[in-house]
């Protein structure tokens, strides 16, 4: 299924229309939240605020990663040069990412989604898993094991140029905090990336494509999910409307700030009948765990039965 199967040319143009002001508001809003978290900890520095900040920063780092994603689709700003600049220098370097490399890989994800050639398949193909298996993954994420591994392979694969760019960006962030007399607070940022961020991106990726109706079906309504996020879930795991992932796969050119409107249109016109739509991330996460004593094949059959009744 492609967008032109269900949308007219005029509808595609309408929902793909970009706004520099809207894009700037999204980007500025992400950084203002980051600044606010740093400010709160600077004013009330104690173990509790530091702990909460590390959790929240994991979600804010995801918001920057989503900027890299959206700009990679050229769907945030009207000009390609602005998308490219924002993706790399206002987002990517702060979360140890390279916008150009990510864009090339992600293009393949959209082109090959629903097939065994999907380059992101390893992130969600094995769900659901046993409870102990998921617990081990969570422990690895929260203890930094996953983060160190990802950083090592990213640095090795992208090379010294990328590492220097990351170093410059993080030196700038440290310098700003140091100038305000709170340089040590910078450590919360890499601590969050190594811990809470790793768990958040694992759960986000699983929520988008894991334990769906048919992971190897060409129709994104079968292999991709949209999740209705609560306000606090938007802070942690669904920034910048990234929870409308099915809608994004139907028409990747829709800017993130227009996805709610696009989703409402698709639903109102019956284009999402039988699609993977879930209310709240907890309802999704429960599907990632095999009930005790249940084999994976039987669980998959039960999931399909539940969806047919939904």
C-alpha atoms as a PDB file:
ATOM      1  CA  UNK A   1       0.000   0.000   0.000  1.00  0.00           C
ATOM      2  CA  UNK A   2       1.265   3.442  -0.946  1.00  0.00           C
ATOM      3  CA  UNK A   3      -0.167   6.860  -0.100  1.00  0.00           C
ATOM      4  CA  UNK A   4      -1.573   7.379  -3.585  1.00  0.00           C
ATOM      5  CA  UNK A   5      -3.785   4.307  -3.086  1.00  0.00           C
ATOM      6  CA  UNK A   6      -5.894   6.161  -0.508  1.00  0.00           C
ATOM      7  CA  UNK A   7      -5.056   9.853  -0.983  1.00  0.00           C
ATOM      8  CA  UNK A   8      -5.514  12.250  -3.846  1.00  0.00           C
ATOM      9  CA  UNK A   9      -2.636  14.325  -5.154  1.00  0.00           C
ATOM     10  CA  UNK A  10      -4.163  17.415  -3.546  1.00  0.00           C
ATOM     11  CA  UNK A  11      -4.470  15.668  -0.164  1.00  0.00           C
ATOM     12  CA  UNK A  12      -0.852  14.526  -0.297  1.00  0.00           C
ATOM     13  CA  UNK A  13       0.266  18.075  -1.068  1.00  0.00           C
ATOM     14  CA  UNK A  14      -1.895  19.518   1.701  1.00  0.00           C
ATOM     15  CA  UNK A  15      -0.675  17.226   4.455  1.00  0.00           C
ATOM     16  CA  UNK A  16       2.947  17.445   3.265  1.00  0.00           C
ATOM     17  CA  UNK A  17       3.001  21.239   3.446  1.00  0.00           C
ATOM     18  CA  UNK A  18       5.880  22.453   5.624  1.00  0.00           C
ATOM     19  CA  UNK A  19       6.144  25.539   7.838  1.00  0.00           C
ATOM     20  CA  UNK A  20       9.438  27.031   8.969  1.00  0.00           C
ATOM     21  CA  UNK A  21       7.717  28.665  11.930  1.00  0.00           C
ATOM     22  CA  UNK A  22       6.150  25.413  13.079  1.00  0.00           C
ATOM     23  CA  UNK A  23       9.455  23.586  12.646  1.00  0.00           C
ATOM     24  CA  UNK A  24      11.298  26.278  14.613  1.00  0.00           C
ATOM     25  CA  UNK A  25       8.739  26.027  17.423  1.00  0.00           C
ATOM     26  CA  UNK A  26       9.260  22.271  17.659  1.00  0.00           C
ATOM     27  CA  UNK A  27      13.041  22.586  17.725  1.00  0.00           C
ATOM     28  CA  UNK A  28      13.048  25.512  20.146  1.00  0.00           C
ATOM     29  CA  UNK A  29      10.523  23.801  22.387  1.00  0.00           C
ATOM     30  CA  UNK A  30      12.762  20.747  22.691  1.00  0.00           C
ATOM     31  CA  UNK A  31      15.759  22.830  23.719  1.00  0.00           C
ATOM     32  CA  UNK A  32      13.737  25.000  26.113  1.00  0.00           C
ATOM     33  CA  UNK A  33      12.625  21.867  27.956  1.00  0.00           C
ATOM     34  CA  UNK A  34      16.229  20.724  28.172  1.00  0.00           C
ATOM     35  CA  UNK A  35      17.260  24.143  29.520  1.00  0.00           C
ATOM     36  CA  UNK A  36      14.397  24.058  32.025  1.00  0.00           C
ATOM     37  CA  UNK A  37      15.490  20.685  33.391  1.00  0.00           C
ATOM     38  CA  UNK A  38      19.068  21.912  33.799  1.00  0.00           C
ATOM     39  CA  UNK A  39      17.772  25.068  35.503  1.00  0.00           C
ATOM     40  CA  UNK A  40      15.607  23.176  37.975  1.00  0.00           C
ATOM     41  CA  UNK A  41      18.505  20.958  39.008  1.00  0.00           C
ATOM     42  CA  UNK A  42      20.802  23.987  39.265  1.00  0.00           C
ATOM     43  CA  UNK A  43      18.350  25.703  41.628  1.00  0.00           C
ATOM     44  CA  UNK A  44      17.446  22.605  43.634  1.00  0.00           C
ATOM     45  CA  UNK A  45      20.493  20.355  43.435  1.00  0.00           C
ATOM     46  CA  UNK A  46      19.844  17.125  45.297  1.00  0.00           C
ATOM     47  CA  UNK A  47      19.826  13.383  44.537  1.00  0.00           C
ATOM     48  CA  UNK A  48      16.107  13.375  43.706  1.00  0.00           C
ATOM     49  CA  UNK A  49      16.233  16.181  41.128  1.00  0.00           C
ATOM     50  CA  UNK A  50      19.367  14.697  39.566  1.00  0.00           C
ATOM     51  CA  UNK A  51      17.716  11.275  39.337  1.00  0.00           C
ATOM     52  CA  UNK A  52      14.556  12.707  37.768  1.00  0.00           C
ATOM     53  CA  UNK A  53      16.611  14.838  35.377  1.00  0.00           C
ATOM     54  CA  UNK A  54      18.500  11.795  34.100  1.00  0.00           C
ATOM     55  CA  UNK A  55      15.188  10.085  33.379  1.00  0.00           C
ATOM     56  CA  UNK A  56      13.728  13.153  31.668  1.00  0.00           C
ATOM     57  CA  UNK A  57      16.889  13.816  29.679  1.00  0.00           C
ATOM     58  CA  UNK A  58      16.566  10.344  28.172  1.00  0.00           C
ATOM     59  CA  UNK A  59      13.265  11.455  26.684  1.00  0.00           C
ATOM     60  CA  UNK A  60      14.627  14.836  25.627  1.00  0.00           C
ATOM     61  CA  UNK A  61      17.506  13.134  23.849  1.00  0.00           C
ATOM     62  CA  UNK A  62      14.917  11.101  21.992  1.00  0.00           C
ATOM     63  CA  UNK A  63      13.264  14.374  20.973  1.00  0.00           C
ATOM     64  CA  UNK A  64      16.544  15.457  19.352  1.00  0.00           C
ATOM     65  CA  UNK A  65      16.891  12.079  17.665  1.00  0.00           C
ATOM     66  CA  UNK A  66      13.389  12.554  16.270  1.00  0.00           C
ATOM     67  CA  UNK A  67      14.490  15.929  14.868  1.00  0.00           C
ATOM     68  CA  UNK A  68      17.296  14.079  13.066  1.00  0.00           C
ATOM     69  CA  UNK A  69      14.685  11.649  11.769  1.00  0.00           C
ATOM     70  CA  UNK A  70      12.196  14.280  10.615  1.00  0.00           C
ATOM     71  CA  UNK A  71      14.816  16.498   9.010  1.00  0.00           C
ATOM     72  CA  UNK A  72      16.177  13.417   7.275  1.00  0.00           C
ATOM     73  CA  UNK A  73      12.802  13.158   5.560  1.00  0.00           C
ATOM     74  CA  UNK A  74      13.134  16.872   4.687  1.00  0.00           C
ATOM     75  CA  UNK A  75       9.745  17.300   6.306  1.00  0.00           C
ATOM     76  CA  UNK A  76      10.410  19.885   9.013  1.00  0.00           C
ATOM     77  CA  UNK A  77      11.718  23.001   7.256  1.00  0.00           C
ATOM     78  CA  UNK A  78      10.908  24.196   3.743  1.00  0.00           C
ATOM     79  CA  UNK A  79      14.537  24.234   2.621  1.00  0.00           C
ATOM     80  CA  UNK A  80      16.713  21.146   2.385  1.00  0.00           C
ATOM     81  CA  UNK A  81      19.750  23.083   3.660  1.00  0.00           C
ATOM     82  CA  UNK A  82      17.872  24.063   6.820  1.00  0.00           C
ATOM     83  CA  UNK A  83      16.768  20.484   7.442  1.00  0.00           C
ATOM     84  CA  UNK A  84      20.328  19.280   6.944  1.00  0.00           C
ATOM     85  CA  UNK A  85      21.781  21.907   9.286  1.00  0.00           C
ATOM     86  CA  UNK A  86      19.217  21.358  12.033  1.00  0.00           C
ATOM     87  CA  UNK A  87      19.540  17.574  11.856  1.00  0.00           C
ATOM     88  CA  UNK A  88      23.300  17.592  12.240  1.00  0.00           C
ATOM     89  CA  UNK A  89      24.250  20.657  14.267  1.00  0.00           C
ATOM     90  CA  UNK A  90      21.172  21.408  16.382  1.00  0.00           C
ATOM     91  CA  UNK A  91      20.303  17.812  17.206  1.00  0.00           C
ATOM     92  CA  UNK A  92      22.445  14.919  15.966  1.00  0.00           C
ATOM     93  CA  UNK A  93      25.820  15.846  17.421  1.00  0.00           C
ATOM     94  CA  UNK A  94      24.305  16.162  20.895  1.00  0.00           C
ATOM     95  CA  UNK A  95      23.029  12.571  20.852  1.00  0.00           C
ATOM     96  CA  UNK A  96      26.073  10.941  19.192  1.00  0.00           C
ATOM     97  CA  UNK A  97      24.390  10.642  15.805  1.00  0.00           C
ATOM     98  CA  UNK A  98      25.365  11.509  12.260  1.00  0.00           C
ATOM     99  CA  UNK A  99      22.458  12.856  10.232  1.00  0.00           C
ATOM    100  CA  UNK A 100      23.733  11.797   6.815  1.00  0.00           C
ATOM    101  CA  UNK A 101      24.443   8.208   7.833  1.00  0.00           C
ATOM    102  CA  UNK A 102      21.151   7.932   9.656  1.00  0.00           C
ATOM    103  CA  UNK A 103      19.224   9.286   6.679  1.00  0.00           C
ATOM    104  CA  UNK A 104      20.705   6.694   4.325  1.00  0.00           C
ATOM    105  CA  UNK A 105      19.823   3.820   6.630  1.00  0.00           C
ATOM    106  CA  UNK A 106      16.370   5.129   7.463  1.00  0.00           C
ATOM    107  CA  UNK A 107      15.476   5.532   3.801  1.00  0.00           C
ATOM    108  CA  UNK A 108      16.046   1.794   3.437  1.00  0.00           C
ATOM    109  CA  UNK A 109      13.823   1.161   6.465  1.00  0.00           C
ATOM    110  CA  UNK A 110      10.896   2.842   4.712  1.00  0.00           C
ATOM    111  CA  UNK A 111      11.613   1.265   1.358  1.00  0.00           C
ATOM    112  CA  UNK A 112      12.080  -2.232   2.774  1.00  0.00           C
ATOM    113  CA  UNK A 113       9.673  -2.088   5.713  1.00  0.00           C
ATOM    114  CA  UNK A 114       7.506  -5.190   5.889  1.00  0.00           C
ATOM    115  CA  UNK A 115      10.265  -7.368   4.417  1.00  0.00           C
ATOM    116  CA  UNK A 116      13.149  -9.413   5.770  1.00  0.00           C
ATOM    117  CA  UNK A 117      15.557  -6.833   4.288  1.00  0.00           C
ATOM    118  CA  UNK A 118      14.418  -4.058   6.648  1.00  0.00           C
ATOM    119  CA  UNK A 119      17.715  -2.772   8.193  1.00  0.00           C
ATOM    120  CA  UNK A 120      15.961  -2.066  11.514  1.00  0.00           C
ATOM    121  CA  UNK A 121      14.384  -5.512  11.746  1.00  0.00           C
ATOM    122  CA  UNK A 122      16.724  -6.697  14.495  1.00  0.00           C
ATOM    123  CA  UNK A 123      15.266  -4.066  16.847  1.00  0.00           C
ATOM    124  CA  UNK A 124      11.843  -5.708  17.031  1.00  0.00           C
ATOM    125  CA  UNK A 125      11.653  -9.004  15.137  1.00  0.00           C
ATOM    126  CA  UNK A 126      12.190 -11.209  18.207  1.00  0.00           C
ATOM    127  CA  UNK A 127       9.356  -9.840  20.339  1.00  0.00           C
ATOM    128  CA  UNK A 128       7.472 -11.104  22.272  1.00  0.00           C
ATOM    129  CA  UNK A 129      10.109 -12.469  24.644  1.00  0.00           C
ATOM    130  CA  UNK A 130      10.141 -14.221  27.990  1.00  0.00           C
ATOM    131  CA  UNK A 131       9.854 -11.957  31.022  1.00  0.00           C
ATOM    132  CA  UNK A 132      13.385 -12.839  32.163  1.00  0.00           C
ATOM    133  CA  UNK A 133      14.771 -12.026  28.727  1.00  0.00           C
ATOM    134  CA  UNK A 134      13.161  -8.587  28.731  1.00  0.00           C
ATOM    135  CA  UNK A 135      14.412  -8.007  32.285  1.00  0.00           C
ATOM    136  CA  UNK A 136      17.976  -8.747  31.172  1.00  0.00           C
ATOM    137  CA  UNK A 137      17.628  -6.241  28.329  1.00  0.00           C
ATOM    138  CA  UNK A 138      16.348  -3.582  30.731  1.00  0.00           C
ATOM    139  CA  UNK A 139      19.245  -4.191  33.114  1.00  0.00           C
ATOM    140  CA  UNK A 140      21.773  -3.892  30.298  1.00  0.00           C
ATOM    141  CA  UNK A 141      20.168  -0.638  29.206  1.00  0.00           C
ATOM    142  CA  UNK A 142      19.989   0.966  32.633  1.00  0.00           C
ATOM    143  CA  UNK A 143      23.512  -0.066  33.659  1.00  0.00           C
ATOM    144  CA  UNK A 144      25.072   1.507  30.578  1.00  0.00           C
ATOM    145  CA  UNK A 145      26.164  -1.741  28.941  1.00  0.00           C
ATOM    146  CA  UNK A 146      24.010  -1.176  25.870  1.00  0.00           C
ATOM    147  CA  UNK A 147      25.020   2.480  25.631  1.00  0.00           C
ATOM    148  CA  UNK A 148      28.746   1.797  25.765  1.00  0.00           C
ATOM    149  CA  UNK A 149      28.381  -0.855  23.074  1.00  0.00           C
ATOM    150  CA  UNK A 150      26.360   1.447  20.799  1.00  0.00           C
ATOM    151  CA  UNK A 151      28.775   4.339  21.299  1.00  0.00           C
ATOM    152  CA  UNK A 152      31.776   2.137  20.533  1.00  0.00           C
ATOM    153  CA  UNK A 153      30.372   0.797  17.273  1.00  0.00           C
ATOM    154  CA  UNK A 154      29.035   4.210  16.226  1.00  0.00           C
ATOM    155  CA  UNK A 155      32.403   5.869  16.827  1.00  0.00           C
ATOM    156  CA  UNK A 156      34.223   3.035  15.076  1.00  0.00           C
ATOM    157  CA  UNK A 157      31.893   3.078  12.093  1.00  0.00           C
ATOM    158  CA  UNK A 158      31.629   6.846  11.621  1.00  0.00           C
ATOM    159  CA  UNK A 159      35.275   7.604  12.315  1.00  0.00           C
ATOM    160  CA  UNK A 160      37.317  10.435  13.892  1.00  0.00           C
ATOM    161  CA  UNK A 161      35.458  13.247  12.107  1.00  0.00           C
ATOM    162  CA  UNK A 162      32.157  12.346  13.729  1.00  0.00           C
ATOM    163  CA  UNK A 163      33.789  11.868  17.125  1.00  0.00           C
ATOM    164  CA  UNK A 164      35.374  15.314  16.877  1.00  0.00           C
ATOM    165  CA  UNK A 165      32.013  16.831  15.995  1.00  0.00           C
ATOM    166  CA  UNK A 166      30.399  15.134  18.973  1.00  0.00           C
ATOM    167  CA  UNK A 167      33.218  16.296  21.216  1.00  0.00           C
ATOM    168  CA  UNK A 168      32.849  19.892  20.053  1.00  0.00           C
ATOM    169  CA  UNK A 169      29.102  19.890  20.652  1.00  0.00           C
ATOM    170  CA  UNK A 170      29.426  18.422  24.122  1.00  0.00           C
ATOM    171  CA  UNK A 171      32.249  20.807  24.965  1.00  0.00           C
ATOM    172  CA  UNK A 172      29.901  23.641  24.011  1.00  0.00           C
ATOM    173  CA  UNK A 173      27.164  22.260  26.247  1.00  0.00           C
ATOM    174  CA  UNK A 174      29.617  21.879  29.123  1.00  0.00           C
ATOM    175  CA  UNK A 175      30.969  25.387  28.491  1.00  0.00           C
ATOM    176  CA  UNK A 176      27.509  26.941  28.729  1.00  0.00           C
ATOM    177  CA  UNK A 177      26.837  25.175  32.024  1.00  0.00           C
ATOM    178  CA  UNK A 178      30.318  25.995  33.313  1.00  0.00           C
ATOM    179  CA  UNK A 179      29.791  29.688  32.519  1.00  0.00           C
ATOM    180  CA  UNK A 180      26.707  29.650  34.742  1.00  0.00           C
ATOM    181  CA  UNK A 181      28.665  28.044  37.581  1.00  0.00           C
ATOM    182  CA  UNK A 182      27.132  24.576  37.127  1.00  0.00           C
ATOM    183  CA  UNK A 183      29.605  22.733  34.933  1.00  0.00           C
ATOM    184  CA  UNK A 184      29.264  19.441  36.789  1.00  0.00           C
ATOM    185  CA  UNK A 185      25.617  19.240  35.842  1.00  0.00           C
ATOM    186  CA  UNK A 186      26.756  18.419  32.312  1.00  0.00           C
ATOM    187  CA  UNK A 187      27.485  14.877  33.521  1.00  0.00           C
ATOM    188  CA  UNK A 188      23.752  14.240  33.724  1.00  0.00           C
ATOM    189  CA  UNK A 189      23.565  14.435  29.926  1.00  0.00           C
ATOM    190  CA  UNK A 190      25.936  11.555  29.025  1.00  0.00           C
ATOM    191  CA  UNK A 191      24.649   9.631  32.060  1.00  0.00           C
ATOM    192  CA  UNK A 192      21.119   9.865  30.653  1.00  0.00           C
ATOM    193  CA  UNK A 193      22.240   8.872  27.156  1.00  0.00           C
ATOM    194  CA  UNK A 194      23.981   5.787  28.520  1.00  0.00           C
ATOM    195  CA  UNK A 195      21.064   4.685  30.710  1.00  0.00           C
ATOM    196  CA  UNK A 196      17.503   6.000  30.483  1.00  0.00           C
ATOM    197  CA  UNK A 197      17.834   6.919  26.810  1.00  0.00           C
ATOM    198  CA  UNK A 198      18.866   3.385  25.889  1.00  0.00           C
ATOM    199  CA  UNK A 199      15.777   1.923  27.545  1.00  0.00           C
ATOM    200  CA  UNK A 200      13.521   4.585  26.038  1.00  0.00           C
ATOM    201  CA  UNK A 201      14.677   3.989  22.468  1.00  0.00           C
ATOM    202  CA  UNK A 202      14.349   0.229  22.942  1.00  0.00           C
ATOM    203  CA  UNK A 203      10.744   0.630  24.065  1.00  0.00           C
ATOM    204  CA  UNK A 204       9.968   3.173  21.356  1.00  0.00           C
ATOM    205  CA  UNK A 205      11.283   0.928  18.588  1.00  0.00           C
ATOM    206  CA  UNK A 206       9.352  -2.028  19.965  1.00  0.00           C
ATOM    207  CA  UNK A 207       6.188   0.049  20.255  1.00  0.00           C
ATOM    208  CA  UNK A 208       6.442   1.024  16.597  1.00  0.00           C
ATOM    209  CA  UNK A 209       6.879  -2.401  15.008  1.00  0.00           C
ATOM    210  CA  UNK A 210       7.069  -5.268  17.535  1.00  0.00           C
ATOM    211  CA  UNK A 211       4.289  -7.827  18.093  1.00  0.00           C
ATOM    212  CA  UNK A 212       2.191  -6.374  15.277  1.00  0.00           C
ATOM    213  CA  UNK A 213      -0.324  -8.130  13.032  1.00  0.00           C
ATOM    214  CA  UNK A 214       2.158  -9.155  10.345  1.00  0.00           C
ATOM    215  CA  UNK A 215       5.709  -7.814  10.414  1.00  0.00           C
ATOM    216  CA  UNK A 216       6.304  -9.061   6.871  1.00  0.00           C
ATOM    217  CA  UNK A 217       3.218  -7.609   5.221  1.00  0.00           C
ATOM    218  CA  UNK A 218       3.636  -4.846   2.589  1.00  0.00           C
ATOM    219  CA  UNK A 219       0.788  -2.787   4.077  1.00  0.00           C
ATOM    220  CA  UNK A 220       2.120  -0.557   6.905  1.00  0.00           C
ATOM    221  CA  UNK A 221      -1.244  -0.910   8.637  1.00  0.00           C
ATOM    222  CA  UNK A 222      -0.175  -4.488   9.329  1.00  0.00           C
ATOM    223  CA  UNK A 223       3.508  -4.003  10.245  1.00  0.00           C
ATOM    224  CA  UNK A 224       3.490  -0.598  11.987  1.00  0.00           C
ATOM    225  CA  UNK A 225       1.672   0.771  15.029  1.00  0.00           C
ATOM    226  CA  UNK A 226       0.343   4.132  16.200  1.00  0.00           C
ATOM    227  CA  UNK A 227      -0.006   4.611  19.942  1.00  0.00           C
ATOM    228  CA  UNK A 228      -2.129   7.296  21.572  1.00  0.00           C
ATOM    229  CA  UNK A 229       0.228   8.870  24.092  1.00  0.00           C
ATOM    230  CA  UNK A 230      -0.618  10.459  27.424  1.00  0.00           C
ATOM    231  CA  UNK A 231       1.017  13.788  28.338  1.00  0.00           C
ATOM    232  CA  UNK A 232       3.727  12.189  30.464  1.00  0.00           C
ATOM    233  CA  UNK A 233       4.427   9.588  27.794  1.00  0.00           C
ATOM    234  CA  UNK A 234       5.054  12.450  25.375  1.00  0.00           C
ATOM    235  CA  UNK A 235       7.739  13.723  27.754  1.00  0.00           C
ATOM    236  CA  UNK A 236       9.498  10.382  27.897  1.00  0.00           C
ATOM    237  CA  UNK A 237       8.815   8.191  24.913  1.00  0.00           C
ATOM    238  CA  UNK A 238       6.676  10.052  22.361  1.00  0.00           C
ATOM    239  CA  UNK A 239       8.129  13.520  21.697  1.00  0.00           C
ATOM    240  CA  UNK A 240       7.374  15.474  18.524  1.00  0.00           C
ATOM    241  CA  UNK A 241       4.336  13.271  17.715  1.00  0.00           C
ATOM    242  CA  UNK A 242       6.581  10.290  16.992  1.00  0.00           C
ATOM    243  CA  UNK A 243       3.834   8.047  18.398  1.00  0.00           C
ATOM    244  CA  UNK A 244       1.895   8.521  15.117  1.00  0.00           C
ATOM    245  CA  UNK A 245       4.248   6.061  13.499  1.00  0.00           C
ATOM    246  CA  UNK A 246       1.780   4.188  11.335  1.00  0.00           C
ATOM    247  CA  UNK A 247       0.588   7.484   9.866  1.00  0.00           C
ATOM    248  CA  UNK A 248       4.208   8.440   9.227  1.00  0.00           C
ATOM    249  CA  UNK A 249       4.793   5.212   7.303  1.00  0.00           C
ATOM    250  CA  UNK A 250       1.704   5.789   5.183  1.00  0.00           C
ATOM    251  CA  UNK A 251       3.005   9.217   4.113  1.00  0.00           C
ATOM    252  CA  UNK A 252       6.574   9.985   5.350  1.00  0.00           C
ATOM    253  CA  UNK A 253       6.483  13.525   3.931  1.00  0.00           C
ATOM    254  CA  UNK A 254       3.965  14.704   6.543  1.00  0.00           C
ATOM    255  CA  UNK A 255       5.748  17.030   9.026  1.00  0.00           C
ATOM    256  CA  UNK A 256       5.645  15.940  12.649  1.00  0.00           C
ATOM    257  CA  UNK A 257       3.573  18.993  13.564  1.00  0.00           C
ATOM    258  CA  UNK A 258       0.851  17.901  11.105  1.00  0.00           C
ATOM    259  CA  UNK A 259       0.687  14.229  12.056  1.00  0.00           C
ATOM    260  CA  UNK A 260      -2.253  14.563  14.515  1.00  0.00           C
ATOM    261  CA  UNK A 261      -4.327  16.254  11.805  1.00  0.00           C
ATOM    262  CA  UNK A 262      -3.296  13.625   9.271  1.00  0.00           C
ATOM    263  CA  UNK A 263      -4.177  10.821  11.675  1.00  0.00           C
ATOM    264  CA  UNK A 264      -7.613  12.328  12.322  1.00  0.00           C
ATOM    265  CA  UNK A 265      -8.231  12.517   8.571  1.00  0.00           C
ATOM    266  CA  UNK A 266      -7.202   8.890   7.983  1.00  0.00           C
ATOM    267  CA  UNK A 267      -9.348   7.643  10.830  1.00  0.00           C
ATOM    268  CA  UNK A 268     -12.384   9.728   9.901  1.00  0.00           C
ATOM    269  CA  UNK A 269     -12.275   8.411   6.351  1.00  0.00           C
ATOM    270  CA  UNK A 270     -11.965   4.775   7.355  1.00  0.00           C
ATOM    271  CA  UNK A 271      -8.384   4.292   6.203  1.00  0.00           C
ATOM    272  CA  UNK A 272      -7.277   2.885   9.568  1.00  0.00           C
ATOM    273  CA  UNK A 273      -9.894   0.172   9.971  1.00  0.00           C
ATOM    274  CA  UNK A 274      -8.224  -2.902  11.454  1.00  0.00           C
ATOM    275  CA  UNK A 275      -4.895  -1.076  11.819  1.00  0.00           C
ATOM    276  CA  UNK A 276      -2.538  -1.279  14.804  1.00  0.00           C
ATOM    277  CA  UNK A 277      -3.871   1.495  17.082  1.00  0.00           C
ATOM    278  CA  UNK A 278      -3.263   1.291  20.825  1.00  0.00           C
ATOM    279  CA  UNK A 279      -4.206   3.513  23.764  1.00  0.00           C
ATOM    280  CA  UNK A 280      -1.174   4.136  25.975  1.00  0.00           C
ATOM    281  CA  UNK A 281       2.247   2.545  25.858  1.00  0.00           C
ATOM    282  CA  UNK A 282       1.574   0.158  28.711  1.00  0.00           C
ATOM    283  CA  UNK A 283      -0.973  -1.695  26.577  1.00  0.00           C
ATOM    284  CA  UNK A 284       1.773  -2.136  23.980  1.00  0.00           C
ATOM    285  CA  UNK A 285       4.517  -3.165  26.395  1.00  0.00           C
ATOM    286  CA  UNK A 286       2.358  -5.946  27.812  1.00  0.00           C
ATOM    287  CA  UNK A 287       2.397  -7.516  24.363  1.00  0.00           C
ATOM    288  CA  UNK A 288       6.189  -7.623  24.357  1.00  0.00           C
ATOM    289  CA  UNK A 289       6.284 -10.246  27.115  1.00  0.00           C
ATOM    290  CA  UNK A 290       5.303 -13.880  26.740  1.00  0.00           C
ATOM    291  CA  UNK A 291       2.931 -15.083  29.467  1.00  0.00           C
ATOM    292  CA  UNK A 292       4.569 -17.740  31.698  1.00  0.00           C
ATOM    293  CA  UNK A 293       4.535 -21.167  30.088  1.00  0.00           C
ATOM    294  CA  UNK A 294       3.284 -19.913  26.735  1.00  0.00           C
ATOM    295  CA  UNK A 295       5.357 -20.628  23.638  1.00  0.00           C
ATOM    296  CA  UNK A 296       5.922 -17.813  21.161  1.00  0.00           C
ATOM    297  CA  UNK A 297       3.936 -19.344  18.285  1.00  0.00           C
ATOM    298  CA  UNK A 298       0.842 -19.848  20.430  1.00  0.00           C
ATOM    299  CA  UNK A 299       1.134 -16.316  21.797  1.00  0.00           C
ATOM    300  CA  UNK A 300       1.321 -14.885  18.269  1.00  0.00           C
ATOM    301  CA  UNK A 301      -1.888 -16.723  17.382  1.00  0.00           C
ATOM    302  CA  UNK A 302      -3.602 -15.322  20.464  1.00  0.00           C
ATOM    303  CA  UNK A 303      -2.483 -11.784  19.575  1.00  0.00           C
ATOM    304  CA  UNK A 304      -4.019 -12.192  16.120  1.00  0.00           C
ATOM    305  CA  UNK A 305      -7.288 -13.385  17.655  1.00  0.00           C
ATOM    306  CA  UNK A 306      -7.333 -10.392  20.031  1.00  0.00           C
ATOM    307  CA  UNK A 307      -6.790  -7.988  17.132  1.00  0.00           C
ATOM    308  CA  UNK A 308      -9.597  -9.542  15.103  1.00  0.00           C
ATOM    309  CA  UNK A 309     -11.914  -8.946  18.037  1.00  0.00           C
ATOM    310  CA  UNK A 310     -10.644  -5.402  18.615  1.00  0.00           C
END
